[in-house]
N, C-alpha and C. Protein backbone atom coordinates (compact mmCIF):
# COMPACT_ATOMS: atom_id res chain seq x y z
N MET A 1 77.24 67.52 -45.27
CA MET A 1 76.99 67.94 -43.91
C MET A 1 75.50 67.86 -43.58
N THR A 2 74.65 68.27 -44.51
CA THR A 2 73.22 68.23 -44.25
C THR A 2 72.70 66.81 -44.15
N SER A 3 73.33 65.87 -44.86
CA SER A 3 72.88 64.49 -44.77
C SER A 3 73.18 63.92 -43.39
N ILE A 4 74.27 64.36 -42.79
CA ILE A 4 74.60 63.92 -41.43
C ILE A 4 73.56 64.46 -40.46
N LEU A 5 73.20 65.72 -40.62
CA LEU A 5 72.21 66.32 -39.73
C LEU A 5 70.85 65.65 -39.88
N ARG A 6 70.48 65.32 -41.08
CA ARG A 6 69.19 64.67 -41.29
C ARG A 6 69.15 63.30 -40.64
N SER A 7 70.26 62.59 -40.70
CA SER A 7 70.27 61.24 -40.16
C SER A 7 70.28 61.23 -38.63
N THR A 8 70.77 62.31 -38.00
CA THR A 8 70.82 62.33 -36.54
C THR A 8 69.58 62.97 -35.93
N ARG A 9 68.74 63.56 -36.74
CA ARG A 9 67.53 64.20 -36.24
C ARG A 9 66.56 63.12 -35.77
N ILE A 10 65.95 63.33 -34.64
CA ILE A 10 65.00 62.36 -34.09
C ILE A 10 63.67 62.52 -34.82
N GLN A 11 63.19 61.43 -35.33
CA GLN A 11 61.93 61.44 -36.06
C GLN A 11 60.83 60.91 -35.14
N PRO A 12 59.69 61.61 -35.07
CA PRO A 12 58.58 61.06 -34.28
C PRO A 12 58.07 59.81 -34.97
N ARG A 13 57.63 58.86 -34.17
CA ARG A 13 57.14 57.64 -34.78
C ARG A 13 55.75 57.32 -34.24
N MET A 14 55.01 56.67 -35.05
CA MET A 14 53.66 56.26 -34.68
C MET A 14 53.75 54.88 -34.03
N LEU A 15 52.77 54.59 -33.19
CA LEU A 15 52.69 53.26 -32.62
C LEU A 15 52.30 52.27 -33.72
N SER A 16 52.91 51.11 -33.67
CA SER A 16 52.52 50.08 -34.62
C SER A 16 51.16 49.53 -34.19
N LYS A 17 50.53 48.78 -35.06
CA LYS A 17 49.21 48.20 -34.75
C LYS A 17 49.30 47.28 -33.53
N GLU A 18 50.42 46.54 -33.43
CA GLU A 18 50.59 45.64 -32.30
C GLU A 18 50.73 46.42 -30.99
N GLU A 19 51.55 47.48 -31.04
CA GLU A 19 51.73 48.30 -29.84
C GLU A 19 50.43 48.99 -29.45
N GLU A 20 49.69 49.43 -30.43
CA GLU A 20 48.43 50.09 -30.16
C GLU A 20 47.43 49.11 -29.54
N ALA A 21 47.44 47.89 -30.02
CA ALA A 21 46.53 46.87 -29.50
C ALA A 21 46.92 46.47 -28.08
N ARG A 22 48.24 46.50 -27.80
CA ARG A 22 48.73 46.11 -26.48
C ARG A 22 48.36 47.10 -25.39
N THR A 23 48.18 48.35 -25.74
CA THR A 23 47.89 49.36 -24.73
C THR A 23 46.43 49.25 -24.33
N ASP A 24 46.21 48.49 -23.29
CA ASP A 24 44.86 48.30 -22.78
C ASP A 24 44.41 49.57 -22.07
N GLU A 25 43.15 49.86 -22.20
CA GLU A 25 42.60 51.02 -21.51
C GLU A 25 42.49 50.67 -20.02
N VAL A 26 43.16 51.46 -19.22
CA VAL A 26 43.11 51.26 -17.78
C VAL A 26 42.33 52.42 -17.19
N GLU A 27 41.38 52.08 -16.38
CA GLU A 27 40.57 53.13 -15.76
C GLU A 27 41.41 53.88 -14.73
N VAL A 28 41.34 55.19 -14.79
CA VAL A 28 42.07 56.02 -13.84
C VAL A 28 41.18 56.26 -12.64
N ARG A 29 41.59 55.70 -11.52
CA ARG A 29 40.83 55.87 -10.28
C ARG A 29 41.24 57.16 -9.60
N ARG A 30 40.46 57.57 -8.64
CA ARG A 30 40.77 58.79 -7.87
C ARG A 30 42.14 58.66 -7.20
N GLU A 31 42.42 57.50 -6.67
CA GLU A 31 43.71 57.24 -6.01
C GLU A 31 44.87 57.41 -7.00
N ASP A 32 44.68 56.92 -8.21
CA ASP A 32 45.71 57.06 -9.24
C ASP A 32 45.92 58.53 -9.61
N GLN A 33 44.82 59.26 -9.78
CA GLN A 33 44.91 60.67 -10.13
C GLN A 33 45.62 61.45 -9.03
N ASP A 34 45.33 61.10 -7.78
CA ASP A 34 46.01 61.76 -6.65
C ASP A 34 47.51 61.50 -6.70
N LYS A 35 47.89 60.28 -7.04
CA LYS A 35 49.31 59.96 -7.13
C LYS A 35 49.98 60.68 -8.29
N ILE A 36 49.29 60.81 -9.41
CA ILE A 36 49.83 61.55 -10.55
C ILE A 36 50.01 63.01 -10.18
N ASN A 37 49.01 63.58 -9.51
CA ASN A 37 49.10 64.98 -9.07
C ASN A 37 50.23 65.17 -8.07
N LYS A 38 50.38 64.22 -7.15
CA LYS A 38 51.46 64.31 -6.16
C LYS A 38 52.82 64.25 -6.86
N PHE A 39 52.95 63.37 -7.85
CA PHE A 39 54.20 63.27 -8.61
C PHE A 39 54.50 64.61 -9.28
N SER A 40 53.49 65.22 -9.85
CA SER A 40 53.68 66.51 -10.53
C SER A 40 54.13 67.59 -9.54
N ARG A 41 53.49 67.64 -8.38
CA ARG A 41 53.89 68.62 -7.36
C ARG A 41 55.32 68.38 -6.90
N LEU A 42 55.67 67.12 -6.69
CA LEU A 42 57.03 66.79 -6.27
C LEU A 42 58.04 67.15 -7.35
N HIS A 43 57.67 66.94 -8.60
CA HIS A 43 58.57 67.28 -9.70
C HIS A 43 58.85 68.78 -9.72
N HIS A 44 57.81 69.58 -9.55
CA HIS A 44 58.00 71.04 -9.53
C HIS A 44 58.83 71.47 -8.32
N LYS A 45 58.59 70.82 -7.20
CA LYS A 45 59.36 71.13 -6.00
C LYS A 45 60.82 70.73 -6.19
N GLU A 46 61.06 69.60 -6.86
CA GLU A 46 62.42 69.15 -7.14
C GLU A 46 63.16 70.18 -7.99
N ILE A 47 62.48 70.70 -8.99
CA ILE A 47 63.10 71.71 -9.86
C ILE A 47 63.44 72.96 -9.05
N SER A 48 62.50 73.40 -8.23
CA SER A 48 62.72 74.60 -7.41
C SER A 48 63.88 74.42 -6.44
N LEU A 49 63.91 73.28 -5.76
CA LEU A 49 65.00 73.01 -4.81
C LEU A 49 66.33 72.87 -5.53
N GLY A 50 66.32 72.29 -6.72
CA GLY A 50 67.54 72.17 -7.51
C GLY A 50 68.11 73.54 -7.87
N GLU A 51 67.22 74.47 -8.22
CA GLU A 51 67.67 75.83 -8.52
C GLU A 51 68.24 76.50 -7.27
N GLN A 52 67.56 76.32 -6.14
CA GLN A 52 68.07 76.88 -4.88
C GLN A 52 69.43 76.29 -4.53
N LEU A 53 69.57 74.98 -4.74
CA LEU A 53 70.84 74.32 -4.45
C LEU A 53 71.95 74.87 -5.33
N ASN A 54 71.67 75.09 -6.60
CA ASN A 54 72.68 75.65 -7.50
C ASN A 54 73.11 77.04 -7.05
N LEU A 55 72.15 77.85 -6.59
CA LEU A 55 72.49 79.19 -6.09
C LEU A 55 73.37 79.10 -4.84
N LYS A 56 73.03 78.18 -3.94
CA LYS A 56 73.83 78.02 -2.71
C LYS A 56 75.23 77.50 -3.03
N LEU A 57 75.33 76.60 -3.99
CA LEU A 57 76.65 76.09 -4.38
C LEU A 57 77.50 77.20 -4.98
N LYS A 58 76.87 78.06 -5.76
CA LYS A 58 77.59 79.20 -6.33
C LYS A 58 78.03 80.15 -5.22
N GLU A 59 77.13 80.39 -4.26
CA GLU A 59 77.47 81.27 -3.13
C GLU A 59 78.64 80.69 -2.33
N LYS A 60 78.63 79.38 -2.11
CA LYS A 60 79.73 78.73 -1.38
C LYS A 60 81.04 78.87 -2.14
N GLU A 61 80.97 78.69 -3.45
CA GLU A 61 82.17 78.84 -4.28
C GLU A 61 82.72 80.26 -4.20
N GLU A 62 81.83 81.24 -4.21
CA GLU A 62 82.26 82.64 -4.11
C GLU A 62 82.87 82.92 -2.74
N LEU A 63 82.29 82.36 -1.69
CA LEU A 63 82.86 82.53 -0.35
C LEU A 63 84.25 81.90 -0.26
N ASP A 64 84.40 80.74 -0.88
CA ASP A 64 85.72 80.08 -0.90
C ASP A 64 86.74 80.93 -1.65
N ASP A 65 86.31 81.54 -2.76
CA ASP A 65 87.20 82.41 -3.52
C ASP A 65 87.63 83.62 -2.69
N VAL A 66 86.69 84.22 -1.98
CA VAL A 66 87.01 85.38 -1.13
C VAL A 66 87.97 84.95 -0.03
N SER A 67 87.73 83.79 0.55
CA SER A 67 88.61 83.28 1.60
C SER A 67 90.03 83.09 1.08
N ASN A 68 90.16 82.56 -0.12
CA ASN A 68 91.48 82.38 -0.73
C ASN A 68 92.16 83.72 -0.99
N GLU A 69 91.39 84.70 -1.43
CA GLU A 69 91.95 86.03 -1.68
C GLU A 69 92.41 86.69 -0.38
N LEU A 70 91.69 86.46 0.70
CA LEU A 70 92.06 87.07 1.98
C LEU A 70 93.39 86.53 2.50
N GLU A 71 93.72 85.31 2.14
CA GLU A 71 94.98 84.73 2.59
C GLU A 71 96.18 85.49 2.04
N LEU A 72 95.99 86.24 0.98
CA LEU A 72 97.08 87.00 0.37
C LEU A 72 97.34 88.33 1.09
N ASN A 73 96.42 88.75 1.96
CA ASN A 73 96.56 90.03 2.66
C ASN A 73 97.41 89.89 3.92
N ASP A 74 97.97 91.02 4.38
CA ASP A 74 98.74 91.05 5.62
C ASP A 74 97.80 91.12 6.81
N GLU A 75 98.30 90.69 7.97
CA GLU A 75 97.50 90.70 9.20
C GLU A 75 97.06 92.10 9.59
N ASP A 76 97.86 93.10 9.27
CA ASP A 76 97.56 94.48 9.69
C ASP A 76 96.59 95.18 8.75
N ASP A 77 96.30 94.59 7.62
CA ASP A 77 95.42 95.24 6.65
C ASP A 77 94.00 95.36 7.19
N LYS A 78 93.37 96.47 6.84
CA LYS A 78 91.94 96.66 7.13
C LYS A 78 91.19 96.21 5.88
N ILE A 79 90.14 95.46 6.09
CA ILE A 79 89.35 94.91 4.99
C ILE A 79 87.94 95.48 5.08
N LEU A 80 87.40 95.88 3.94
CA LEU A 80 86.01 96.34 3.90
C LEU A 80 85.11 95.10 3.84
N TYR A 81 84.20 95.01 4.81
CA TYR A 81 83.28 93.88 4.90
C TYR A 81 81.87 94.41 4.81
N LYS A 82 81.07 93.83 3.94
CA LYS A 82 79.71 94.31 3.73
C LYS A 82 78.77 93.67 4.75
N ILE A 83 78.10 94.54 5.50
CA ILE A 83 77.08 94.10 6.45
C ILE A 83 75.80 94.84 6.07
N GLY A 84 74.83 94.11 5.57
CA GLY A 84 73.60 94.75 5.12
C GLY A 84 73.87 95.59 3.89
N ASP A 85 73.60 96.91 4.02
CA ASP A 85 73.79 97.83 2.89
C ASP A 85 75.04 98.67 3.01
N CYS A 86 75.82 98.46 4.06
CA CYS A 86 77.01 99.31 4.24
C CYS A 86 78.26 98.45 4.40
N PHE A 87 79.40 99.10 4.23
CA PHE A 87 80.69 98.44 4.38
C PHE A 87 81.34 98.92 5.66
N VAL A 88 81.95 97.99 6.38
CA VAL A 88 82.63 98.28 7.63
C VAL A 88 84.09 97.86 7.47
N SER A 89 84.99 98.70 7.96
CA SER A 89 86.41 98.39 7.90
C SER A 89 86.78 97.56 9.12
N LEU A 90 87.24 96.32 8.89
CA LEU A 90 87.57 95.40 9.98
C LEU A 90 88.97 94.83 9.78
N GLN A 91 89.51 94.30 10.87
CA GLN A 91 90.79 93.62 10.82
C GLN A 91 90.63 92.30 10.04
N LEU A 92 91.72 91.85 9.46
CA LEU A 92 91.70 90.64 8.65
C LEU A 92 91.15 89.45 9.44
N ARG A 93 91.59 89.29 10.68
CA ARG A 93 91.16 88.16 11.51
C ARG A 93 89.64 88.17 11.72
N GLU A 94 89.06 89.35 11.96
CA GLU A 94 87.61 89.46 12.15
C GLU A 94 86.85 89.09 10.88
N VAL A 95 87.36 89.56 9.76
CA VAL A 95 86.72 89.26 8.48
C VAL A 95 86.77 87.76 8.20
N GLN A 96 87.90 87.14 8.50
CA GLN A 96 88.03 85.70 8.29
C GLN A 96 87.05 84.92 9.16
N GLU A 97 86.85 85.37 10.40
CA GLU A 97 85.90 84.71 11.29
C GLU A 97 84.47 84.86 10.77
N LEU A 98 84.12 86.07 10.33
CA LEU A 98 82.78 86.30 9.78
C LEU A 98 82.57 85.48 8.51
N LEU A 99 83.61 85.41 7.71
CA LEU A 99 83.54 84.65 6.47
C LEU A 99 83.38 83.15 6.75
N GLU A 100 84.08 82.67 7.75
CA GLU A 100 83.97 81.25 8.13
C GLU A 100 82.56 80.94 8.63
N ALA A 101 81.98 81.86 9.40
CA ALA A 101 80.61 81.68 9.88
C ALA A 101 79.63 81.64 8.70
N SER A 102 79.83 82.52 7.74
CA SER A 102 78.96 82.54 6.55
C SER A 102 79.11 81.25 5.75
N THR A 103 80.34 80.79 5.61
CA THR A 103 80.60 79.55 4.87
C THR A 103 79.94 78.36 5.55
N THR A 104 80.03 78.30 6.87
CA THR A 104 79.41 77.22 7.63
C THR A 104 77.90 77.25 7.46
N LYS A 105 77.32 78.43 7.51
CA LYS A 105 75.87 78.58 7.34
C LYS A 105 75.44 78.09 5.96
N VAL A 106 76.19 78.48 4.93
CA VAL A 106 75.85 78.06 3.56
C VAL A 106 76.01 76.55 3.40
N ARG A 107 77.05 75.97 4.00
CA ARG A 107 77.23 74.51 3.93
C ARG A 107 76.05 73.79 4.56
N ASN A 108 75.58 74.29 5.71
CA ASN A 108 74.43 73.67 6.36
C ASN A 108 73.18 73.77 5.49
N GLU A 109 72.99 74.92 4.85
CA GLU A 109 71.85 75.09 3.96
C GLU A 109 71.95 74.15 2.76
N ILE A 110 73.15 73.96 2.24
CA ILE A 110 73.36 73.04 1.12
C ILE A 110 73.02 71.62 1.55
N ASN A 111 73.47 71.22 2.74
CA ASN A 111 73.17 69.87 3.24
C ASN A 111 71.67 69.66 3.40
N GLN A 112 70.97 70.68 3.93
CA GLN A 112 69.52 70.57 4.09
C GLN A 112 68.82 70.43 2.75
N LEU A 113 69.24 71.23 1.77
CA LEU A 113 68.63 71.15 0.44
C LEU A 113 68.89 69.79 -0.20
N GLU A 114 70.11 69.27 -0.03
CA GLU A 114 70.42 67.95 -0.60
C GLU A 114 69.59 66.86 0.05
N GLU A 115 69.36 66.96 1.37
CA GLU A 115 68.52 65.97 2.06
C GLU A 115 67.08 66.04 1.56
N LYS A 116 66.56 67.26 1.41
CA LYS A 116 65.19 67.42 0.90
C LYS A 116 65.07 66.86 -0.51
N LEU A 117 66.06 67.16 -1.35
CA LEU A 117 66.04 66.65 -2.73
C LEU A 117 66.08 65.13 -2.75
N SER A 118 66.89 64.55 -1.89
CA SER A 118 67.00 63.10 -1.83
C SER A 118 65.66 62.47 -1.42
N ALA A 119 65.01 63.07 -0.42
CA ALA A 119 63.71 62.56 0.03
C ALA A 119 62.66 62.67 -1.07
N ILE A 120 62.65 63.80 -1.76
CA ILE A 120 61.69 64.01 -2.84
C ILE A 120 61.93 63.01 -3.97
N ARG A 121 63.20 62.81 -4.33
CA ARG A 121 63.51 61.87 -5.42
C ARG A 121 63.13 60.44 -5.04
N GLY A 122 63.31 60.09 -3.77
CA GLY A 122 62.90 58.77 -3.31
C GLY A 122 61.39 58.58 -3.39
N GLU A 123 60.66 59.60 -2.97
CA GLU A 123 59.20 59.54 -3.04
C GLU A 123 58.72 59.49 -4.49
N MET A 124 59.37 60.26 -5.36
CA MET A 124 59.02 60.24 -6.78
C MET A 124 59.29 58.86 -7.38
N SER A 125 60.36 58.24 -6.96
CA SER A 125 60.70 56.90 -7.46
C SER A 125 59.62 55.89 -7.05
N ASP A 126 59.17 55.98 -5.80
CA ASP A 126 58.11 55.09 -5.33
C ASP A 126 56.82 55.29 -6.13
N LEU A 127 56.48 56.55 -6.39
CA LEU A 127 55.28 56.84 -7.17
C LEU A 127 55.42 56.32 -8.60
N LYS A 128 56.62 56.47 -9.18
CA LYS A 128 56.86 55.96 -10.54
C LYS A 128 56.62 54.45 -10.60
N ILE A 129 57.16 53.75 -9.61
CA ILE A 129 57.02 52.29 -9.58
C ILE A 129 55.55 51.90 -9.57
N HIS A 130 54.78 52.55 -8.69
CA HIS A 130 53.36 52.23 -8.58
C HIS A 130 52.61 52.58 -9.87
N LEU A 131 52.86 53.78 -10.38
CA LEU A 131 52.11 54.23 -11.55
C LEU A 131 52.48 53.46 -12.82
N TYR A 132 53.77 53.12 -12.98
CA TYR A 132 54.15 52.32 -14.14
C TYR A 132 53.60 50.90 -14.03
N ALA A 133 53.53 50.37 -12.81
CA ALA A 133 52.95 49.04 -12.62
C ALA A 133 51.46 49.06 -12.98
N ARG A 134 50.81 50.14 -12.69
CA ARG A 134 49.37 50.26 -12.95
C ARG A 134 49.08 50.57 -14.42
N PHE A 135 49.83 51.51 -15.02
CA PHE A 135 49.50 51.99 -16.35
C PHE A 135 50.45 51.53 -17.45
N GLY A 136 51.60 51.00 -17.08
CA GLY A 136 52.56 50.53 -18.09
C GLY A 136 53.00 51.65 -19.02
N PRO A 137 53.08 51.37 -20.32
CA PRO A 137 53.56 52.39 -21.26
C PRO A 137 52.52 53.49 -21.56
N SER A 138 51.35 53.39 -20.96
CA SER A 138 50.32 54.41 -21.20
C SER A 138 50.62 55.72 -20.50
N ILE A 139 51.59 55.72 -19.60
CA ILE A 139 51.92 56.93 -18.85
C ILE A 139 53.41 57.21 -18.99
N ASN A 140 53.75 58.48 -19.05
CA ASN A 140 55.15 58.87 -19.16
C ASN A 140 55.49 59.77 -17.98
N LEU A 141 56.34 59.29 -17.10
CA LEU A 141 56.73 60.05 -15.91
C LEU A 141 58.21 60.42 -15.95
N GLU A 142 58.84 60.29 -17.10
CA GLU A 142 60.26 60.62 -17.20
C GLU A 142 60.42 62.13 -17.18
N THR A 143 61.33 62.59 -16.33
CA THR A 143 61.54 64.03 -16.17
C THR A 143 62.88 64.43 -16.72
């Protein structure tokens, strides 16, 4: 078992003499540094938006679950609905309408986050193309 683990472990490797010779020193200009910094900021923003998107997707899933549970109740049942810090007893129809409004709001927020993420990823891709063309293997922008 240990021999299997040893063989699958990733070993760091040194650059060969040929690879080391191939990596020409490229001067980093102010413009290049600005692009590297912009890529870094976009990467951090991408991570933050991804986390927000995951939270919104979870919230949407929870709203869908609540909606499915409400379908099991009778029309005459009173349902406790949380508004702010308190619970209000409402008719099933009212709760379903409020829940639908909340679901629509969350869907819109999810769409906005996905659009922002798409724009950021596109911009990051453009920066990667430019920076890899300029620096080649001397730079690592893989996230």
